[in-house]
Amino acid sequence: MQDFGQVVFKIDQVLEEKKISKNKLEKDANLQRTQLNSYCNNKVKRLDLATIAKICYVLDCGIEDIMEYKIGKKI
């Protein structure tokens, strides 16, 4: 099977850099803790664009700040 790479979330890094707690992000973005943890732990199977927008808004950052694509190996 071909390795297409993966999208990796960097939300924890941004939280640390901006000195914002997960609790504050959860509250201000109106997210459930399990939902936020899924994104932080790279357990999300399908992206919710509204959730991504909320996270970016609260963290005052762009999409590229909270997620990145890691290239897979070509066969």
PDB file of N, CA and C in Angstrom:
ATOM      1  N   MET A   1       0.828  -1.182   0.000  1.00  0.00           N
ATOM      2  CA  MET A   1       0.000   0.000   0.000  1.00  0.00           C
ATOM      3  C   MET A   1       0.875   1.249   0.000  1.00  0.00           C
ATOM      4  N   GLN A   2       0.496   2.219  -0.799  1.00  0.00           N
ATOM      5  CA  GLN A   2       1.285   3.434  -0.927  1.00  0.00           C
ATOM      6  C   GLN A   2       1.098   4.335   0.299  1.00  0.00           C
ATOM      7  N   ASP A   3       2.169   4.951   0.729  1.00  0.00           N
ATOM      8  CA  ASP A   3       2.148   5.875   1.864  1.00  0.00           C
ATOM      9  C   ASP A   3       1.918   7.286   1.326  1.00  0.00           C
ATOM     10  N   PHE A   4       0.729   7.806   1.522  1.00  0.00           N
ATOM     11  CA  PHE A   4       0.390   9.142   1.032  1.00  0.00           C
ATOM     12  C   PHE A   4       0.764  10.236   2.019  1.00  0.00           C
ATOM     13  N   GLY A   5       1.362   9.873   3.120  1.00  0.00           N
ATOM     14  CA  GLY A   5       1.714  10.860   4.137  1.00  0.00           C
ATOM     15  C   GLY A   5       0.554  11.069   5.087  1.00  0.00           C
ATOM     16  N   GLN A   6       0.661  12.113   5.875  1.00  0.00           N
ATOM     17  CA  GLN A   6      -0.401  12.371   6.836  1.00  0.00           C
ATOM     18  C   GLN A   6      -0.456  13.846   7.208  1.00  0.00           C
ATOM     19  N   VAL A   7      -1.624  14.261   7.656  1.00  0.00           N
ATOM     20  CA  VAL A   7      -1.808  15.606   8.186  1.00  0.00           C
ATOM     21  C   VAL A   7      -1.627  15.506   9.698  1.00  0.00           C
ATOM     22  N   VAL A   8      -0.792  16.372  10.244  1.00  0.00           N
ATOM     23  CA  VAL A   8      -0.474  16.344  11.667  1.00  0.00           C
ATOM     24  C   VAL A   8      -0.885  17.676  12.293  1.00  0.00           C
ATOM     25  N   PHE A   9      -1.564  17.592  13.424  1.00  0.00           N
ATOM     26  CA  PHE A   9      -1.962  18.803  14.140  1.00  0.00           C
ATOM     27  C   PHE A   9      -0.872  19.241  15.104  1.00  0.00           C
ATOM     28  N   LYS A  10      -0.699  20.551  15.193  1.00  0.00           N
ATOM     29  CA  LYS A  10       0.311  21.145  16.064  1.00  0.00           C
ATOM     30  C   LYS A  10      -0.341  22.086  17.075  1.00  0.00           C
ATOM     31  N   ILE A  11      -1.566  21.789  17.453  1.00  0.00           N
ATOM     32  CA  ILE A  11      -2.320  22.673  18.337  1.00  0.00           C
ATOM     33  C   ILE A  11      -1.625  22.820  19.686  1.00  0.00           C
ATOM     34  N   ASP A  12      -1.123  21.720  20.229  1.00  0.00           N
ATOM     35  CA  ASP A  12      -0.428  21.787  21.524  1.00  0.00           C
ATOM     36  C   ASP A  12       0.760  22.739  21.473  1.00  0.00           C
ATOM     37  N   GLN A  13       1.498  22.730  20.369  1.00  0.00           N
ATOM     38  CA  GLN A  13       2.641  23.626  20.218  1.00  0.00           C
ATOM     39  C   GLN A  13       2.198  25.081  20.249  1.00  0.00           C
ATOM     40  N   VAL A  14       1.127  25.378  19.518  1.00  0.00           N
ATOM     41  CA  VAL A  14       0.632  26.757  19.462  1.00  0.00           C
ATOM     42  C   VAL A  14       0.115  27.183  20.834  1.00  0.00           C
ATOM     43  N   LEU A  15      -0.581  26.291  21.513  1.00  0.00           N
ATOM     44  CA  LEU A  15      -1.052  26.603  22.864  1.00  0.00           C
ATOM     45  C   LEU A  15       0.119  26.963  23.776  1.00  0.00           C
ATOM     46  N   GLU A  16       1.172  26.178  23.699  1.00  0.00           N
ATOM     47  CA  GLU A  16       2.351  26.421  24.529  1.00  0.00           C
ATOM     48  C   GLU A  16       3.018  27.742  24.171  1.00  0.00           C
ATOM     49  N   GLU A  17       3.199  27.991  22.870  1.00  0.00           N
ATOM     50  CA  GLU A  17       3.838  29.234  22.420  1.00  0.00           C
ATOM     51  C   GLU A  17       3.060  30.469  22.854  1.00  0.00           C
ATOM     52  N   LYS A  18       1.731  30.372  22.795  1.00  0.00           N
ATOM     53  CA  LYS A  18       0.886  31.525  23.119  1.00  0.00           C
ATOM     54  C   LYS A  18       0.467  31.547  24.585  1.00  0.00           C
ATOM     55  N   LYS A  19       0.923  30.541  25.330  1.00  0.00           N
ATOM     56  CA  LYS A  19       0.620  30.432  26.758  1.00  0.00           C
ATOM     57  C   LYS A  19      -0.900  30.457  27.016  1.00  0.00           C
ATOM     58  N   ILE A  20      -1.595  29.622  26.253  1.00  0.00           N
ATOM     59  CA  ILE A  20      -3.040  29.465  26.391  1.00  0.00           C
ATOM     60  C   ILE A  20      -3.309  28.027  26.818  1.00  0.00           C
ATOM     61  N   SER A  21      -4.203  27.848  27.764  1.00  0.00           N
ATOM     62  CA  SER A  21      -4.513  26.499  28.238  1.00  0.00           C
ATOM     63  C   SER A  21      -5.551  25.837  27.332  1.00  0.00           C
ATOM     64  N   LYS A  22      -5.571  24.522  27.371  1.00  0.00           N
ATOM     65  CA  LYS A  22      -6.597  23.784  26.632  1.00  0.00           C
ATOM     66  C   LYS A  22      -7.982  24.149  27.147  1.00  0.00           C
ATOM     67  N   ASN A  23      -8.074  24.385  28.449  1.00  0.00           N
ATOM     68  CA  ASN A  23      -9.360  24.760  29.034  1.00  0.00           C
ATOM     69  C   ASN A  23      -9.878  26.062  28.436  1.00  0.00           C
ATOM     70  N   LYS A  24      -8.999  27.032  28.268  1.00  0.00           N
ATOM     71  CA  LYS A  24      -9.404  28.323  27.685  1.00  0.00           C
ATOM     72  C   LYS A  24      -9.805  28.133  26.228  1.00  0.00           C
ATOM     73  N   LEU A  25      -9.025  27.381  25.476  1.00  0.00           N
ATOM     74  CA  LEU A  25      -9.356  27.137  24.073  1.00  0.00           C
ATOM     75  C   LEU A  25     -10.701  26.417  23.976  1.00  0.00           C
ATOM     76  N   GLU A  26     -10.886  25.410  24.792  1.00  0.00           N
ATOM     77  CA  GLU A  26     -12.138  24.653  24.798  1.00  0.00           C
ATOM     78  C   GLU A  26     -13.330  25.579  25.061  1.00  0.00           C
ATOM     79  N   LYS A  27     -13.197  26.430  26.077  1.00  0.00           N
ATOM     80  CA  LYS A  27     -14.289  27.336  26.454  1.00  0.00           C
ATOM     81  C   LYS A  27     -14.529  28.397  25.382  1.00  0.00           C
ATOM     82  N   ASP A  28     -13.460  29.083  24.967  1.00  0.00           N
ATOM     83  CA  ASP A  28     -13.602  30.199  24.028  1.00  0.00           C
ATOM     84  C   ASP A  28     -14.038  29.753  22.637  1.00  0.00           C
ATOM     85  N   ALA A  29     -13.654  28.543  22.247  1.00  0.00           N
ATOM     86  CA  ALA A  29     -14.027  28.026  20.925  1.00  0.00           C
ATOM     87  C   ALA A  29     -15.322  27.212  20.974  1.00  0.00           C
ATOM     88  N   ASN A  30     -15.875  27.072  22.178  1.00  0.00           N
ATOM     89  CA  ASN A  30     -17.110  26.316  22.368  1.00  0.00           C
ATOM     90  C   ASN A  30     -16.983  24.889  21.819  1.00  0.00           C
ATOM     91  N   LEU A  31     -15.926  24.200  22.268  1.00  0.00           N
ATOM     92  CA  LEU A  31     -15.657  22.829  21.851  1.00  0.00           C
ATOM     93  C   LEU A  31     -15.826  21.887  23.029  1.00  0.00           C
ATOM     94  N   GLN A  32     -16.129  20.644  22.740  1.00  0.00           N
ATOM     95  CA  GLN A  32     -16.133  19.622  23.781  1.00  0.00           C
ATOM     96  C   GLN A  32     -14.691  19.174  23.981  1.00  0.00           C
ATOM     97  N   ARG A  33     -14.357  18.807  25.205  1.00  0.00           N
ATOM     98  CA  ARG A  33     -12.978  18.407  25.522  1.00  0.00           C
ATOM     99  C   ARG A  33     -12.548  17.209  24.686  1.00  0.00           C
ATOM    100  N   THR A  34     -13.439  16.224  24.514  1.00  0.00           N
ATOM    101  CA  THR A  34     -13.078  15.044  23.727  1.00  0.00           C
ATOM    102  C   THR A  34     -12.791  15.423  22.274  1.00  0.00           C
ATOM    103  N   GLN A  35     -13.561  16.381  21.766  1.00  0.00           N
ATOM    104  CA  GLN A  35     -13.348  16.846  20.391  1.00  0.00           C
ATOM    105  C   GLN A  35     -11.982  17.523  20.273  1.00  0.00           C
ATOM    106  N   LEU A  36     -11.672  18.413  21.201  1.00  0.00           N
ATOM    107  CA  LEU A  36     -10.385  19.109  21.186  1.00  0.00           C
ATOM    108  C   LEU A  36      -9.236  18.112  21.334  1.00  0.00           C
ATOM    109  N   ASN A  37      -9.384  17.153  22.232  1.00  0.00           N
ATOM    110  CA  ASN A  37      -8.336  16.144  22.427  1.00  0.00           C
ATOM    111  C   ASN A  37      -8.117  15.316  21.160  1.00  0.00           C
ATOM    112  N   SER A  38      -9.185  15.043  20.433  1.00  0.00           N
ATOM    113  CA  SER A  38      -9.047  14.296  19.173  1.00  0.00           C
ATOM    114  C   SER A  38      -8.156  15.039  18.190  1.00  0.00           C
ATOM    115  N   TYR A  39      -8.333  16.345  18.113  1.00  0.00           N
ATOM    116  CA  TYR A  39      -7.493  17.149  17.225  1.00  0.00           C
ATOM    117  C   TYR A  39      -6.059  17.214  17.761  1.00  0.00           C
ATOM    118  N   CYS A  40      -5.911  17.471  19.039  1.00  0.00           N
ATOM    119  CA  CYS A  40      -4.569  17.592  19.629  1.00  0.00           C
ATOM    120  C   CYS A  40      -3.779  16.289  19.541  1.00  0.00           C
ATOM    121  N   ASN A  41      -4.475  15.155  19.617  1.00  0.00           N
ATOM    122  CA  ASN A  41      -3.813  13.844  19.608  1.00  0.00           C
ATOM    123  C   ASN A  41      -3.809  13.185  18.234  1.00  0.00           C
ATOM    124  N   ASN A  42      -4.153  13.946  17.201  1.00  0.00           N
ATOM    125  CA  ASN A  42      -4.156  13.445  15.822  1.00  0.00           C
ATOM    126  C   ASN A  42      -5.019  12.198  15.663  1.00  0.00           C
ATOM    127  N   LYS A  43      -6.195  12.206  16.274  1.00  0.00           N
ATOM    128  CA  LYS A  43      -7.126  11.079  16.189  1.00  0.00           C
ATOM    129  C   LYS A  43      -8.329  11.399  15.306  1.00  0.00           C
ATOM    130  N   VAL A  44      -8.302  12.542  14.629  1.00  0.00           N
ATOM    131  CA  VAL A  44      -9.429  12.972  13.805  1.00  0.00           C
ATOM    132  C   VAL A  44      -9.392  12.242  12.466  1.00  0.00           C
ATOM    133  N   LYS A  45     -10.536  11.686  12.078  1.00  0.00           N
ATOM    134  CA  LYS A  45     -10.630  10.991  10.791  1.00  0.00           C
ATOM    135  C   LYS A  45     -11.148  11.920   9.697  1.00  0.00           C
ATOM    136  N   ARG A  46     -12.055  12.809  10.066  1.00  0.00           N
ATOM    137  CA  ARG A  46     -12.620  13.778   9.119  1.00  0.00           C
ATOM    138  C   ARG A  46     -12.590  15.161   9.752  1.00  0.00           C
ATOM    139  N   LEU A  47     -12.093  16.113   9.000  1.00  0.00           N
ATOM    140  CA  LEU A  47     -11.996  17.478   9.511  1.00  0.00           C
ATOM    141  C   LEU A  47     -13.350  18.171   9.484  1.00  0.00           C
ATOM    142  N   ASP A  48     -13.599  18.951  10.502  1.00  0.00           N
ATOM    143  CA  ASP A  48     -14.771  19.818  10.558  1.00  0.00           C
ATOM    144  C   ASP A  48     -14.243  21.238  10.374  1.00  0.00           C
ATOM    145  N   LEU A  49     -14.566  21.851   9.248  1.00  0.00           N
ATOM    146  CA  LEU A  49     -14.025  23.168   8.932  1.00  0.00           C
ATOM    147  C   LEU A  49     -14.459  24.223   9.935  1.00  0.00           C
ATOM    148  N   ALA A  50     -15.650  24.107  10.481  1.00  0.00           N
ATOM    149  CA  ALA A  50     -16.102  25.061  11.492  1.00  0.00           C
ATOM    150  C   ALA A  50     -15.235  24.952  12.749  1.00  0.00           C
ATOM    151  N   THR A  51     -14.871  23.737  13.123  1.00  0.00           N
ATOM    152  CA  THR A  51     -14.007  23.530  14.293  1.00  0.00           C
ATOM    153  C   THR A  51     -12.624  24.106  14.047  1.00  0.00           C
ATOM    154  N   ILE A  52     -12.076  23.863  12.863  1.00  0.00           N
ATOM    155  CA  ILE A  52     -10.756  24.419  12.509  1.00  0.00           C
ATOM    156  C   ILE A  52     -10.805  25.946  12.567  1.00  0.00           C
ATOM    157  N   ALA A  53     -11.881  26.530  12.039  1.00  0.00           N
ATOM    158  CA  ALA A  53     -12.027  27.986  12.042  1.00  0.00           C
ATOM    159  C   ALA A  53     -12.093  28.521  13.474  1.00  0.00           C
ATOM    160  N   LYS A  54     -12.839  27.839  14.342  1.00  0.00           N
ATOM    161  CA  LYS A  54     -12.939  28.271  15.745  1.00  0.00           C
ATOM    162  C   LYS A  54     -11.570  28.249  16.425  1.00  0.00           C
ATOM    163  N   ILE A  55     -10.839  27.167  16.209  1.00  0.00           N
ATOM    164  CA  ILE A  55      -9.516  27.033  16.824  1.00  0.00           C
ATOM    165  C   ILE A  55      -8.587  28.136  16.329  1.00  0.00           C
ATOM    166  N   CYS A  56      -8.572  28.367  15.027  1.00  0.00           N
ATOM    167  CA  CYS A  56      -7.716  29.424  14.467  1.00  0.00           C
ATOM    168  C   CYS A  56      -8.120  30.800  14.993  1.00  0.00           C
ATOM    169  N   TYR A  57      -9.419  31.037  15.101  1.00  0.00           N
ATOM    170  CA  TYR A  57      -9.907  32.333  15.590  1.00  0.00           C
ATOM    171  C   TYR A  57      -9.445  32.577  17.022  1.00  0.00           C
ATOM    172  N   VAL A  58      -9.669  31.598  17.888  1.00  0.00           N
ATOM    173  CA  VAL A  58      -9.311  31.754  19.298  1.00  0.00           C
ATOM    174  C   VAL A  58      -7.804  31.874  19.470  1.00  0.00           C
ATOM    175  N   LEU A  59      -7.047  31.095  18.696  1.00  0.00           N
ATOM    176  CA  LEU A  59      -5.586  31.135  18.814  1.00  0.00           C
ATOM    177  C   LEU A  59      -4.969  32.265  17.995  1.00  0.00           C
ATOM    178  N   ASP A  60      -5.802  32.984  17.229  1.00  0.00           N
ATOM    179  CA  ASP A  60      -5.334  34.091  16.395  1.00  0.00           C
ATOM    180  C   ASP A  60      -4.170  33.635  15.510  1.00  0.00           C
ATOM    181  N   CYS A  61      -4.449  32.590  14.724  1.00  0.00           N
ATOM    182  CA  CYS A  61      -3.414  32.020  13.864  1.00  0.00           C
ATOM    183  C   CYS A  61      -4.030  31.523  12.566  1.00  0.00           C
ATOM    184  N   GLY A  62      -3.194  31.100  11.649  1.00  0.00           N
ATOM    185  CA  GLY A  62      -3.649  30.533  10.395  1.00  0.00           C
ATOM    186  C   GLY A  62      -3.680  29.015  10.465  1.00  0.00           C
ATOM    187  N   ILE A  63      -4.324  28.424   9.480  1.00  0.00           N
ATOM    188  CA  ILE A  63      -4.412  26.961   9.420  1.00  0.00           C
ATOM    189  C   ILE A  63      -3.023  26.330   9.409  1.00  0.00           C
ATOM    190  N   GLU A  64      -2.111  26.959   8.681  1.00  0.00           N
ATOM    191  CA  GLU A  64      -0.758  26.410   8.577  1.00  0.00           C
ATOM    192  C   GLU A  64      -0.023  26.391   9.913  1.00  0.00           C
ATOM    193  N   ASP A  65      -0.510  27.166  10.880  1.00  0.00           N
ATOM    194  CA  ASP A  65       0.106  27.183  12.209  1.00  0.00           C
ATOM    195  C   ASP A  65      -0.322  25.992  13.063  1.00  0.00           C
ATOM    196  N   ILE A  66      -1.514  25.454  12.795  1.00  0.00           N
ATOM    197  CA  ILE A  66      -2.027  24.374  13.647  1.00  0.00           C
ATOM    198  C   ILE A  66      -1.988  23.003  12.993  1.00  0.00           C
ATOM    199  N   MET A  67      -1.690  22.954  11.696  1.00  0.00           N
ATOM    200  CA  MET A  67      -1.612  21.651  11.038  1.00  0.00           C
ATOM    201  C   MET A  67      -0.607  21.689   9.897  1.00  0.00           C
ATOM    202  N   GLU A  68      -0.032  20.523   9.606  1.00  0.00           N
ATOM    203  CA  GLU A  68       0.920  20.427   8.506  1.00  0.00           C
ATOM    204  C   GLU A  68       0.805  19.062   7.846  1.00  0.00           C
ATOM    205  N   TYR A  69       1.227  19.017   6.610  1.00  0.00           N
ATOM    206  CA  TYR A  69       1.243  17.768   5.850  1.00  0.00           C
ATOM    207  C   TYR A  69       2.647  17.210   5.881  1.00  0.00           C
ATOM    208  N   LYS A  70       2.776  15.968   6.309  1.00  0.00           N
ATOM    209  CA  LYS A  70       4.069  15.275   6.296  1.00  0.00           C
ATOM    210  C   LYS A  70       4.052  14.317   5.115  1.00  0.00           C
ATOM    211  N   ILE A  71       4.997  14.497   4.243  1.00  0.00           N
ATOM    212  CA  ILE A  71       5.072  13.731   3.000  1.00  0.00           C
ATOM    213  C   ILE A  71       5.341  12.255   3.279  1.00  0.00           C
ATOM    214  N   GLY A  72       4.621  11.406   2.544  1.00  0.00           N
ATOM    215  CA  GLY A  72       4.818   9.968   2.640  1.00  0.00           C
ATOM    216  C   GLY A  72       5.962   9.527   1.741  1.00  0.00           C
ATOM    217  N   LYS A  73       6.293   8.262   1.808  1.00  0.00           N
ATOM    218  CA  LYS A  73       7.359   7.710   0.982  1.00  0.00           C
ATOM    219  C   LYS A  73       6.799   7.226  -0.339  1.00  0.00           C
ATOM    220  N   LYS A  74       7.428   7.629  -1.399  1.00  0.00           N
ATOM    221  CA  LYS A  74       7.014   7.189  -2.735  1.00  0.00           C
ATOM    222  C   LYS A  74       7.546   5.797  -2.978  1.00  0.00           C
ATOM    223  N   ILE A  75       6.723   4.998  -3.619  1.00  0.00           N
ATOM    224  CA  ILE A  75       7.134   3.625  -3.935  1.00  0.00           C
ATOM    225  C   ILE A  75       7.786   3.581  -5.301  1.00  0.00           C
TER     226      ILE A  75
END
